[in-house]
């Protein structure tokens, strides 16, 4: 029988970083397409998607505290956060989208 895990004994999961990058890439790309400005290249899409995941996670934690989502839900939450991020950036810096 294994002893229970404590905080100091947690295992690092290398797939966790890859999953964050994948969710960020998908969410950032989708948000760029949805906001009619195109994507922001691979690195830009990942950054927008990851920051969007934090924004979306914060918004959803306020609306639905204690809820949990899977991979698809994470992409949706990150997408919504990325759309919010792009909209706020366009308000501050002006639109990139063609008229």
C-alpha atoms as a PDB file:
ATOM      1  CA  UNK A   1       0.000   0.000   0.000  1.00  0.00           C
ATOM      2  CA  UNK A   2       1.305   3.466  -0.919  1.00  0.00           C
ATOM      3  CA  UNK A   3       1.465   6.285   1.610  1.00  0.00           C
ATOM      4  CA  UNK A   4      -0.798   9.235   0.826  1.00  0.00           C
ATOM      5  CA  UNK A   5       0.786  11.993  -1.236  1.00  0.00           C
ATOM      6  CA  UNK A   6       1.609  15.263   0.411  1.00  0.00           C
ATOM      7  CA  UNK A   7       2.329  18.612  -1.210  1.00  0.00           C
ATOM      8  CA  UNK A   8       6.076  17.936  -1.252  1.00  0.00           C
ATOM      9  CA  UNK A   9       5.633  14.587  -3.028  1.00  0.00           C
ATOM     10  CA  UNK A  10       3.547  15.666  -6.024  1.00  0.00           C
ATOM     11  CA  UNK A  11       4.575  14.389  -9.422  1.00  0.00           C
ATOM     12  CA  UNK A  12       5.346  16.769 -12.271  1.00  0.00           C
ATOM     13  CA  UNK A  13       3.286  16.008 -15.364  1.00  0.00           C
ATOM     14  CA  UNK A  14       5.091  17.108 -18.533  1.00  0.00           C
ATOM     15  CA  UNK A  15       1.819  16.869 -20.457  1.00  0.00           C
ATOM     16  CA  UNK A  16       0.425  19.701 -18.333  1.00  0.00           C
ATOM     17  CA  UNK A  17       2.604  22.311 -20.022  1.00  0.00           C
ATOM     18  CA  UNK A  18       1.841  20.868 -23.442  1.00  0.00           C
ATOM     19  CA  UNK A  19      -1.881  20.931 -22.656  1.00  0.00           C
ATOM     20  CA  UNK A  20      -1.661  24.626 -21.594  1.00  0.00           C
ATOM     21  CA  UNK A  21       0.176  25.477 -24.827  1.00  0.00           C
ATOM     22  CA  UNK A  22      -2.310  23.513 -26.930  1.00  0.00           C
ATOM     23  CA  UNK A  23      -5.331  25.108 -25.237  1.00  0.00           C
ATOM     24  CA  UNK A  24      -3.697  28.536 -25.619  1.00  0.00           C
ATOM     25  CA  UNK A  25      -2.948  27.977 -29.300  1.00  0.00           C
ATOM     26  CA  UNK A  26      -6.458  26.766 -30.127  1.00  0.00           C
ATOM     27  CA  UNK A  27      -8.218  29.443 -28.067  1.00  0.00           C
ATOM     28  CA  UNK A  28      -5.992  32.259 -29.360  1.00  0.00           C
ATOM     29  CA  UNK A  29      -6.419  31.201 -32.963  1.00  0.00           C
ATOM     30  CA  UNK A  30     -10.193  30.822 -32.616  1.00  0.00           C
ATOM     31  CA  UNK A  31     -10.467  34.219 -30.933  1.00  0.00           C
ATOM     32  CA  UNK A  32      -8.393  35.853 -33.688  1.00  0.00           C
ATOM     33  CA  UNK A  33     -10.676  34.349 -36.335  1.00  0.00           C
ATOM     34  CA  UNK A  34     -13.841  35.220 -34.415  1.00  0.00           C
ATOM     35  CA  UNK A  35     -12.794  38.832 -33.877  1.00  0.00           C
ATOM     36  CA  UNK A  36     -12.204  39.269 -37.643  1.00  0.00           C
ATOM     37  CA  UNK A  37      -8.610  40.351 -37.398  1.00  0.00           C
ATOM     38  CA  UNK A  38      -6.900  37.111 -38.296  1.00  0.00           C
ATOM     39  CA  UNK A  39      -4.520  35.224 -36.088  1.00  0.00           C
ATOM     40  CA  UNK A  40      -1.463  36.639 -34.343  1.00  0.00           C
ATOM     41  CA  UNK A  41       1.041  33.988 -35.488  1.00  0.00           C
ATOM     42  CA  UNK A  42       1.641  30.848 -33.452  1.00  0.00           C
ATOM     43  CA  UNK A  43       3.428  32.483 -30.510  1.00  0.00           C
ATOM     44  CA  UNK A  44       0.950  35.385 -30.363  1.00  0.00           C
ATOM     45  CA  UNK A  45      -2.021  32.992 -30.480  1.00  0.00           C
ATOM     46  CA  UNK A  46      -0.540  30.937 -27.626  1.00  0.00           C
ATOM     47  CA  UNK A  47       0.108  34.043 -25.502  1.00  0.00           C
ATOM     48  CA  UNK A  48      -3.362  35.484 -26.159  1.00  0.00           C
ATOM     49  CA  UNK A  49      -4.934  32.085 -25.468  1.00  0.00           C
ATOM     50  CA  UNK A  50      -3.061  31.549 -22.193  1.00  0.00           C
ATOM     51  CA  UNK A  51      -3.797  35.069 -20.932  1.00  0.00           C
ATOM     52  CA  UNK A  52      -7.359  34.531 -22.124  1.00  0.00           C
ATOM     53  CA  UNK A  53      -7.509  31.318 -20.096  1.00  0.00           C
ATOM     54  CA  UNK A  54      -6.683  33.299 -16.955  1.00  0.00           C
ATOM     55  CA  UNK A  55      -9.252  35.995 -17.799  1.00  0.00           C
ATOM     56  CA  UNK A  56     -11.899  33.423 -18.718  1.00  0.00           C
ATOM     57  CA  UNK A  57     -11.120  31.356 -15.625  1.00  0.00           C
ATOM     58  CA  UNK A  58     -11.505  34.418 -13.427  1.00  0.00           C
ATOM     59  CA  UNK A  59     -14.839  35.389 -15.043  1.00  0.00           C
ATOM     60  CA  UNK A  60     -16.224  31.849 -14.831  1.00  0.00           C
ATOM     61  CA  UNK A  61     -15.075  31.431 -11.232  1.00  0.00           C
ATOM     62  CA  UNK A  62     -17.136  34.513 -10.384  1.00  0.00           C
ATOM     63  CA  UNK A  63     -20.171  33.249 -12.300  1.00  0.00           C
ATOM     64  CA  UNK A  64     -19.941  29.539 -11.428  1.00  0.00           C
ATOM     65  CA  UNK A  65     -17.809  29.091  -8.298  1.00  0.00           C
ATOM     66  CA  UNK A  66     -16.578  25.563  -7.661  1.00  0.00           C
ATOM     67  CA  UNK A  67     -17.356  24.289 -11.158  1.00  0.00           C
ATOM     68  CA  UNK A  68     -14.917  22.180 -13.160  1.00  0.00           C
ATOM     69  CA  UNK A  69     -14.563  21.689 -16.924  1.00  0.00           C
ATOM     70  CA  UNK A  70     -12.626  19.229 -19.071  1.00  0.00           C
ATOM     71  CA  UNK A  71     -10.375  19.879 -22.064  1.00  0.00           C
ATOM     72  CA  UNK A  72     -13.153  21.162 -24.343  1.00  0.00           C
ATOM     73  CA  UNK A  73     -14.512  23.343 -21.528  1.00  0.00           C
ATOM     74  CA  UNK A  74     -11.013  24.716 -20.932  1.00  0.00           C
ATOM     75  CA  UNK A  75     -10.741  25.666 -24.605  1.00  0.00           C
ATOM     76  CA  UNK A  76     -14.164  27.365 -24.474  1.00  0.00           C
ATOM     77  CA  UNK A  77     -13.279  29.287 -21.293  1.00  0.00           C
ATOM     78  CA  UNK A  78      -9.898  30.312 -22.732  1.00  0.00           C
ATOM     79  CA  UNK A  79     -11.573  31.324 -26.012  1.00  0.00           C
ATOM     80  CA  UNK A  80     -14.059  33.570 -24.202  1.00  0.00           C
ATOM     81  CA  UNK A  81     -11.244  35.099 -22.160  1.00  0.00           C
ATOM     82  CA  UNK A  82      -9.153  35.647 -25.305  1.00  0.00           C
ATOM     83  CA  UNK A  83     -12.091  37.372 -27.026  1.00  0.00           C
ATOM     84  CA  UNK A  84     -12.429  39.656 -23.991  1.00  0.00           C
ATOM     85  CA  UNK A  85      -8.673  40.336 -24.101  1.00  0.00           C
ATOM     86  CA  UNK A  86      -8.691  41.172 -27.835  1.00  0.00           C
ATOM     87  CA  UNK A  87     -11.759  43.409 -27.428  1.00  0.00           C
ATOM     88  CA  UNK A  88     -10.109  45.314 -24.566  1.00  0.00           C
ATOM     89  CA  UNK A  89      -6.833  45.627 -26.507  1.00  0.00           C
ATOM     90  CA  UNK A  90      -8.700  47.005 -29.520  1.00  0.00           C
ATOM     91  CA  UNK A  91     -10.507  49.528 -27.345  1.00  0.00           C
ATOM     92  CA  UNK A  92      -7.169  50.784 -26.031  1.00  0.00           C
ATOM     93  CA  UNK A  93      -5.047  50.563 -29.198  1.00  0.00           C
ATOM     94  CA  UNK A  94      -7.555  50.703 -32.036  1.00  0.00           C
ATOM     95  CA  UNK A  95      -8.888  48.008 -34.345  1.00  0.00           C
ATOM     96  CA  UNK A  96      -6.760  45.799 -36.625  1.00  0.00           C
ATOM     97  CA  UNK A  97      -9.803  44.513 -38.462  1.00  0.00           C
ATOM     98  CA  UNK A  98     -10.497  45.790 -41.996  1.00  0.00           C
ATOM     99  CA  UNK A  99     -13.517  48.059 -42.337  1.00  0.00           C
END
